[in-house]
Amino acid sequence: MKNYLNILDIPDEILFLIFQKLNTVELLSSLEDVNQRFHRLTFDPLLIRDLNMTTITNINSFCVDKIRYL
């Protein structure tokens, strides 16, 4: 019998480290609606605090509506 690891089995701390290595805007658009856990992690202030959207020419409306300014 094979054991498979599901991404949902990974601790939040490890997922957060992985998310920090990804492009933040792509991360927000890809994971925000997966489930509540991913939503909470992707909108963590530590992850988005340095998000600079002024250089992005095509800002999706989801970003403007959902990012909390610190």
PDB file of N, CA and C in Angstrom:
ATOM      1  N   MET A   1       0.841  -1.182   0.000  1.00  0.00           N
ATOM      2  CA  MET A   1       0.000   0.000   0.000  1.00  0.00           C
ATOM      3  C   MET A   1       0.889   1.250   0.000  1.00  0.00           C
ATOM      4  N   LYS A   2       0.587   2.193  -0.870  1.00  0.00           N
ATOM      5  CA  LYS A   2       1.376   3.413  -0.966  1.00  0.00           C
ATOM      6  C   LYS A   2       0.747   4.514  -0.125  1.00  0.00           C
ATOM      7  N   ASN A   3       1.611   5.266   0.501  1.00  0.00           N
ATOM      8  CA  ASN A   3       1.151   6.433   1.255  1.00  0.00           C
ATOM      9  C   ASN A   3       1.388   7.674   0.414  1.00  0.00           C
ATOM     10  N   TYR A   4       0.373   8.476   0.276  1.00  0.00           N
ATOM     11  CA  TYR A   4       0.476   9.704  -0.497  1.00  0.00           C
ATOM     12  C   TYR A   4       0.328  10.898   0.433  1.00  0.00           C
ATOM     13  N   LEU A   5       1.123  11.899   0.173  1.00  0.00           N
ATOM     14  CA  LEU A   5       1.039  13.124   0.947  1.00  0.00           C
ATOM     15  C   LEU A   5       0.155  14.117   0.203  1.00  0.00           C
ATOM     16  N   ASN A   6      -0.809  14.622   0.885  1.00  0.00           N
ATOM     17  CA  ASN A   6      -1.696  15.638   0.334  1.00  0.00           C
ATOM     18  C   ASN A   6      -1.181  17.001   0.781  1.00  0.00           C
ATOM     19  N   ILE A   7      -1.297  17.992  -0.067  1.00  0.00           N
ATOM     20  CA  ILE A   7      -0.822  19.333   0.298  1.00  0.00           C
ATOM     21  C   ILE A   7      -1.519  19.851   1.554  1.00  0.00           C
ATOM     22  N   LEU A   8      -2.708  19.390   1.805  1.00  0.00           N
ATOM     23  CA  LEU A   8      -3.433  19.818   3.002  1.00  0.00           C
ATOM     24  C   LEU A   8      -2.850  19.217   4.277  1.00  0.00           C
ATOM     25  N   ASP A   9      -1.983  18.213   4.127  1.00  0.00           N
ATOM     26  CA  ASP A   9      -1.326  17.602   5.280  1.00  0.00           C
ATOM     27  C   ASP A   9      -0.088  18.379   5.727  1.00  0.00           C
ATOM     28  N   ILE A  10       0.366  19.296   4.910  1.00  0.00           N
ATOM     29  CA  ILE A  10       1.569  20.070   5.222  1.00  0.00           C
ATOM     30  C   ILE A  10       1.214  21.143   6.252  1.00  0.00           C
ATOM     31  N   PRO A  11       2.041  21.311   7.267  1.00  0.00           N
ATOM     32  CA  PRO A  11       1.756  22.333   8.292  1.00  0.00           C
ATOM     33  C   PRO A  11       1.736  23.749   7.702  1.00  0.00           C
ATOM     34  N   ASP A  12       0.970  24.620   8.324  1.00  0.00           N
ATOM     35  CA  ASP A  12       0.855  26.009   7.871  1.00  0.00           C
ATOM     36  C   ASP A  12       2.216  26.692   7.756  1.00  0.00           C
ATOM     37  N   GLU A  13       3.092  26.425   8.694  1.00  0.00           N
ATOM     38  CA  GLU A  13       4.407  27.067   8.690  1.00  0.00           C
ATOM     39  C   GLU A  13       5.186  26.731   7.423  1.00  0.00           C
ATOM     40  N   ILE A  14       5.110  25.483   6.978  1.00  0.00           N
ATOM     41  CA  ILE A  14       5.822  25.054   5.770  1.00  0.00           C
ATOM     42  C   ILE A  14       5.151  25.652   4.531  1.00  0.00           C
ATOM     43  N   LEU A  15       3.835  25.626   4.492  1.00  0.00           N
ATOM     44  CA  LEU A  15       3.117  26.231   3.365  1.00  0.00           C
ATOM     45  C   LEU A  15       3.444  27.717   3.252  1.00  0.00           C
ATOM     46  N   PHE A  16       3.506  28.386   4.372  1.00  0.00           N
ATOM     47  CA  PHE A  16       3.816  29.813   4.360  1.00  0.00           C
ATOM     48  C   PHE A  16       5.206  30.056   3.778  1.00  0.00           C
ATOM     49  N   LEU A  17       6.177  29.229   4.137  1.00  0.00           N
ATOM     50  CA  LEU A  17       7.532  29.356   3.582  1.00  0.00           C
ATOM     51  C   LEU A  17       7.528  29.135   2.073  1.00  0.00           C
ATOM     52  N   ILE A  18       6.743  28.189   1.623  1.00  0.00           N
ATOM     53  CA  ILE A  18       6.621  27.933   0.181  1.00  0.00           C
ATOM     54  C   ILE A  18       5.971  29.131  -0.500  1.00  0.00           C
ATOM     55  N   PHE A  19       4.907  29.636   0.078  1.00  0.00           N
ATOM     56  CA  PHE A  19       4.191  30.774  -0.501  1.00  0.00           C
ATOM     57  C   PHE A  19       5.090  32.001  -0.616  1.00  0.00           C
ATOM     58  N   GLN A  20       5.986  32.188   0.332  1.00  0.00           N
ATOM     59  CA  GLN A  20       6.885  33.342   0.304  1.00  0.00           C
ATOM     60  C   GLN A  20       7.834  33.297  -0.890  1.00  0.00           C
ATOM     61  N   LYS A  21       8.066  32.128  -1.437  1.00  0.00           N
ATOM     62  CA  LYS A  21       8.969  31.982  -2.585  1.00  0.00           C
ATOM     63  C   LYS A  21       8.260  32.229  -3.914  1.00  0.00           C
ATOM     64  N   LEU A  22       6.949  32.284  -3.889  1.00  0.00           N
ATOM     65  CA  LEU A  22       6.173  32.443  -5.113  1.00  0.00           C
ATOM     66  C   LEU A  22       5.861  33.912  -5.386  1.00  0.00           C
ATOM     67  N   ASN A  23       5.497  34.187  -6.615  1.00  0.00           N
ATOM     68  CA  ASN A  23       5.053  35.523  -6.992  1.00  0.00           C
ATOM     69  C   ASN A  23       3.763  35.821  -6.237  1.00  0.00           C
ATOM     70  N   THR A  24       3.747  36.899  -5.483  1.00  0.00           N
ATOM     71  CA  THR A  24       2.622  37.184  -4.597  1.00  0.00           C
ATOM     72  C   THR A  24       1.309  37.396  -5.335  1.00  0.00           C
ATOM     73  N   VAL A  25       1.320  38.113  -6.427  1.00  0.00           N
ATOM     74  CA  VAL A  25       0.081  38.365  -7.166  1.00  0.00           C
ATOM     75  C   VAL A  25      -0.465  37.061  -7.733  1.00  0.00           C
ATOM     76  N   GLU A  26       0.390  36.232  -8.296  1.00  0.00           N
ATOM     77  CA  GLU A  26      -0.059  34.936  -8.811  1.00  0.00           C
ATOM     78  C   GLU A  26      -0.572  34.059  -7.680  1.00  0.00           C
ATOM     79  N   LEU A  27       0.087  34.116  -6.560  1.00  0.00           N
ATOM     80  CA  LEU A  27      -0.339  33.344  -5.401  1.00  0.00           C
ATOM     81  C   LEU A  27      -1.737  33.754  -4.964  1.00  0.00           C
ATOM     82  N   LEU A  28      -1.970  35.052  -4.878  1.00  0.00           N
ATOM     83  CA  LEU A  28      -3.287  35.544  -4.471  1.00  0.00           C
ATOM     84  C   LEU A  28      -4.375  35.093  -5.429  1.00  0.00           C
ATOM     85  N   SER A  29      -4.105  35.198  -6.704  1.00  0.00           N
ATOM     86  CA  SER A  29      -5.129  34.832  -7.685  1.00  0.00           C
ATOM     87  C   SER A  29      -5.337  33.328  -7.771  1.00  0.00           C
ATOM     88  N   SER A  30      -4.327  32.554  -7.458  1.00  0.00           N
ATOM     89  CA  SER A  30      -4.420  31.102  -7.596  1.00  0.00           C
ATOM     90  C   SER A  30      -5.006  30.410  -6.373  1.00  0.00           C
ATOM     91  N   LEU A  31      -4.711  30.903  -5.196  1.00  0.00           N
ATOM     92  CA  LEU A  31      -5.038  30.149  -3.987  1.00  0.00           C
ATOM     93  C   LEU A  31      -6.108  30.750  -3.095  1.00  0.00           C
ATOM     94  N   GLU A  32      -6.520  31.964  -3.372  1.00  0.00           N
ATOM     95  CA  GLU A  32      -7.443  32.615  -2.446  1.00  0.00           C
ATOM     96  C   GLU A  32      -8.768  31.883  -2.276  1.00  0.00           C
ATOM     97  N   ASP A  33      -9.248  31.219  -3.308  1.00  0.00           N
ATOM     98  CA  ASP A  33     -10.550  30.558  -3.219  1.00  0.00           C
ATOM     99  C   ASP A  33     -10.469  29.038  -3.113  1.00  0.00           C
ATOM    100  N   VAL A  34      -9.293  28.504  -2.852  1.00  0.00           N
ATOM    101  CA  VAL A  34      -9.160  27.047  -2.743  1.00  0.00           C
ATOM    102  C   VAL A  34      -9.910  26.547  -1.517  1.00  0.00           C
ATOM    103  N   ASN A  35      -9.608  27.111  -0.388  1.00  0.00           N
ATOM    104  CA  ASN A  35     -10.327  26.799   0.844  1.00  0.00           C
ATOM    105  C   ASN A  35     -10.009  27.882   1.871  1.00  0.00           C
ATOM    106  N   GLN A  36     -10.631  27.825   3.024  1.00  0.00           N
ATOM    107  CA  GLN A  36     -10.441  28.877   4.032  1.00  0.00           C
ATOM    108  C   GLN A  36      -9.002  28.934   4.527  1.00  0.00           C
ATOM    109  N   ARG A  37      -8.389  27.787   4.652  1.00  0.00           N
ATOM    110  CA  ARG A  37      -7.011  27.746   5.138  1.00  0.00           C
ATOM    111  C   ARG A  37      -6.076  28.476   4.175  1.00  0.00           C
ATOM    112  N   PHE A  38      -6.161  28.173   2.886  1.00  0.00           N
ATOM    113  CA  PHE A  38      -5.303  28.834   1.908  1.00  0.00           C
ATOM    114  C   PHE A  38      -5.622  30.324   1.829  1.00  0.00           C
ATOM    115  N   HIS A  39      -6.877  30.660   1.925  1.00  0.00           N
ATOM    116  CA  HIS A  39      -7.264  32.074   1.918  1.00  0.00           C
ATOM    117  C   HIS A  39      -6.591  32.812   3.076  1.00  0.00           C
ATOM    118  N   ARG A  40      -6.670  32.234   4.249  1.00  0.00           N
ATOM    119  CA  ARG A  40      -6.060  32.846   5.436  1.00  0.00           C
ATOM    120  C   ARG A  40      -4.546  32.981   5.265  1.00  0.00           C
ATOM    121  N   LEU A  41      -3.903  31.956   4.740  1.00  0.00           N
ATOM    122  CA  LEU A  41      -2.451  31.998   4.558  1.00  0.00           C
ATOM    123  C   LEU A  41      -2.028  32.992   3.483  1.00  0.00           C
ATOM    124  N   THR A  42      -2.753  33.041   2.382  1.00  0.00           N
ATOM    125  CA  THR A  42      -2.347  33.940   1.298  1.00  0.00           C
ATOM    126  C   THR A  42      -2.571  35.407   1.639  1.00  0.00           C
ATOM    127  N   PHE A  43      -3.482  35.696   2.550  1.00  0.00           N
ATOM    128  CA  PHE A  43      -3.723  37.080   2.941  1.00  0.00           C
ATOM    129  C   PHE A  43      -3.099  37.420   4.290  1.00  0.00           C
ATOM    130  N   ASP A  44      -2.136  36.621   4.694  1.00  0.00           N
ATOM    131  CA  ASP A  44      -1.406  36.906   5.925  1.00  0.00           C
ATOM    132  C   ASP A  44      -0.619  38.209   5.737  1.00  0.00           C
ATOM    133  N   PRO A  45      -0.708  39.138   6.678  1.00  0.00           N
ATOM    134  CA  PRO A  45       0.002  40.415   6.538  1.00  0.00           C
ATOM    135  C   PRO A  45       1.506  40.261   6.314  1.00  0.00           C
ATOM    136  N   LEU A  46       2.109  39.227   6.860  1.00  0.00           N
ATOM    137  CA  LEU A  46       3.545  39.022   6.650  1.00  0.00           C
ATOM    138  C   LEU A  46       3.869  38.699   5.200  1.00  0.00           C
ATOM    139  N   LEU A  47       2.936  38.099   4.518  1.00  0.00           N
ATOM    140  CA  LEU A  47       3.159  37.729   3.124  1.00  0.00           C
ATOM    141  C   LEU A  47       2.898  38.901   2.178  1.00  0.00           C
ATOM    142  N   ILE A  48       1.911  39.705   2.470  1.00  0.00           N
ATOM    143  CA  ILE A  48       1.530  40.769   1.529  1.00  0.00           C
ATOM    144  C   ILE A  48       1.985  42.161   1.941  1.00  0.00           C
ATOM    145  N   ARG A  49       2.675  42.281   3.054  1.00  0.00           N
ATOM    146  CA  ARG A  49       3.054  43.617   3.540  1.00  0.00           C
ATOM    147  C   ARG A  49       3.948  44.388   2.574  1.00  0.00           C
ATOM    148  N   ASP A  50       4.777  43.681   1.817  1.00  0.00           N
ATOM    149  CA  ASP A  50       5.682  44.351   0.885  1.00  0.00           C
ATOM    150  C   ASP A  50       5.202  44.266  -0.557  1.00  0.00           C
ATOM    151  N   LEU A  51       3.965  43.925  -0.739  1.00  0.00           N
ATOM    152  CA  LEU A  51       3.414  43.793  -2.079  1.00  0.00           C
ATOM    153  C   LEU A  51       3.363  45.163  -2.753  1.00  0.00           C
ATOM    154  N   ASN A  52       4.034  45.267  -3.869  1.00  0.00           N
ATOM    155  CA  ASN A  52       4.071  46.520  -4.620  1.00  0.00           C
ATOM    156  C   ASN A  52       3.312  46.310  -5.923  1.00  0.00           C
ATOM    157  N   MET A  53       2.133  46.893  -6.007  1.00  0.00           N
ATOM    158  CA  MET A  53       1.306  46.702  -7.190  1.00  0.00           C
ATOM    159  C   MET A  53       1.389  47.891  -8.144  1.00  0.00           C
ATOM    160  N   THR A  54       2.216  48.856  -7.840  1.00  0.00           N
ATOM    161  CA  THR A  54       2.309  50.036  -8.696  1.00  0.00           C
ATOM    162  C   THR A  54       3.006  49.750 -10.015  1.00  0.00           C
ATOM    163  N   THR A  55       3.779  48.681 -10.064  1.00  0.00           N
ATOM    164  CA  THR A  55       4.498  48.352 -11.297  1.00  0.00           C
ATOM    165  C   THR A  55       3.725  47.386 -12.182  1.00  0.00           C
ATOM    166  N   ILE A  56       2.587  46.938 -11.725  1.00  0.00           N
ATOM    167  CA  ILE A  56       1.782  45.986 -12.486  1.00  0.00           C
ATOM    168  C   ILE A  56       0.842  46.765 -13.397  1.00  0.00           C
ATOM    169  N   THR A  57       0.902  46.478 -14.679  1.00  0.00           N
ATOM    170  CA  THR A  57       0.077  47.237 -15.623  1.00  0.00           C
ATOM    171  C   THR A  57      -1.375  46.786 -15.630  1.00  0.00           C
ATOM    172  N   ASN A  58      -1.613  45.518 -15.389  1.00  0.00           N
ATOM    173  CA  ASN A  58      -2.977  45.002 -15.415  1.00  0.00           C
ATOM    174  C   ASN A  58      -3.314  44.420 -14.046  1.00  0.00           C
ATOM    175  N   ILE A  59      -3.852  45.250 -13.177  1.00  0.00           N
ATOM    176  CA  ILE A  59      -4.196  44.798 -11.830  1.00  0.00           C
ATOM    177  C   ILE A  59      -5.605  44.234 -11.850  1.00  0.00           C
ATOM    178  N   ASN A  60      -5.716  43.007 -11.420  1.00  0.00           N
ATOM    179  CA  ASN A  60      -7.039  42.382 -11.358  1.00  0.00           C
ATOM    180  C   ASN A  60      -7.847  43.014 -10.232  1.00  0.00           C
ATOM    181  N   SER A  61      -9.124  43.112 -10.425  1.00  0.00           N
ATOM    182  CA  SER A  61      -9.976  43.762  -9.432  1.00  0.00           C
ATOM    183  C   SER A  61      -9.983  43.027  -8.103  1.00  0.00           C
ATOM    184  N   PHE A  62      -9.712  41.722  -8.115  1.00  0.00           N
ATOM    185  CA  PHE A  62      -9.710  40.992  -6.846  1.00  0.00           C
ATOM    186  C   PHE A  62      -8.649  41.536  -5.911  1.00  0.00           C
ATOM    187  N   CYS A  63      -7.535  41.967  -6.450  1.00  0.00           N
ATOM    188  CA  CYS A  63      -6.439  42.472  -5.619  1.00  0.00           C
ATOM    189  C   CYS A  63      -6.835  43.765  -4.933  1.00  0.00           C
ATOM    190  N   VAL A  64      -7.362  44.663  -5.686  1.00  0.00           N
ATOM    191  CA  VAL A  64      -7.713  45.972  -5.150  1.00  0.00           C
ATOM    192  C   VAL A  64      -8.770  45.832  -4.063  1.00  0.00           C
ATOM    193  N   ASP A  65      -9.730  44.967  -4.264  1.00  0.00           N
ATOM    194  CA  ASP A  65     -10.820  44.801  -3.309  1.00  0.00           C
ATOM    195  C   ASP A  65     -10.410  44.053  -2.050  1.00  0.00           C
ATOM    196  N   LYS A  66      -9.472  43.130  -2.157  1.00  0.00           N
ATOM    197  CA  LYS A  66      -9.233  42.216  -1.052  1.00  0.00           C
ATOM    198  C   LYS A  66      -7.985  42.469  -0.233  1.00  0.00           C
ATOM    199  N   ILE A  67      -7.045  43.204  -0.756  1.00  0.00           N
ATOM    200  CA  ILE A  67      -5.814  43.425  -0.002  1.00  0.00           C
ATOM    201  C   ILE A  67      -6.050  44.511   1.032  1.00  0.00           C
ATOM    202  N   ARG A  68      -5.709  44.196   2.250  1.00  0.00           N
ATOM    203  CA  ARG A  68      -5.852  45.158   3.341  1.00  0.00           C
ATOM    204  C   ARG A  68      -4.572  45.981   3.418  1.00  0.00           C
ATOM    205  N   TYR A  69      -4.722  47.264   3.427  1.00  0.00           N
ATOM    206  CA  TYR A  69      -3.553  48.130   3.533  1.00  0.00           C
ATOM    207  C   TYR A  69      -3.139  48.211   4.987  1.00  0.00           C
ATOM    208  N   LEU A  70      -1.867  48.040   5.212  1.00  0.00           N
ATOM    209  CA  LEU A  70      -1.348  48.027   6.587  1.00  0.00           C
ATOM    210  C   LEU A  70      -0.906  49.400   7.026  1.00  0.00           C
TER     211      LEU A  70
END
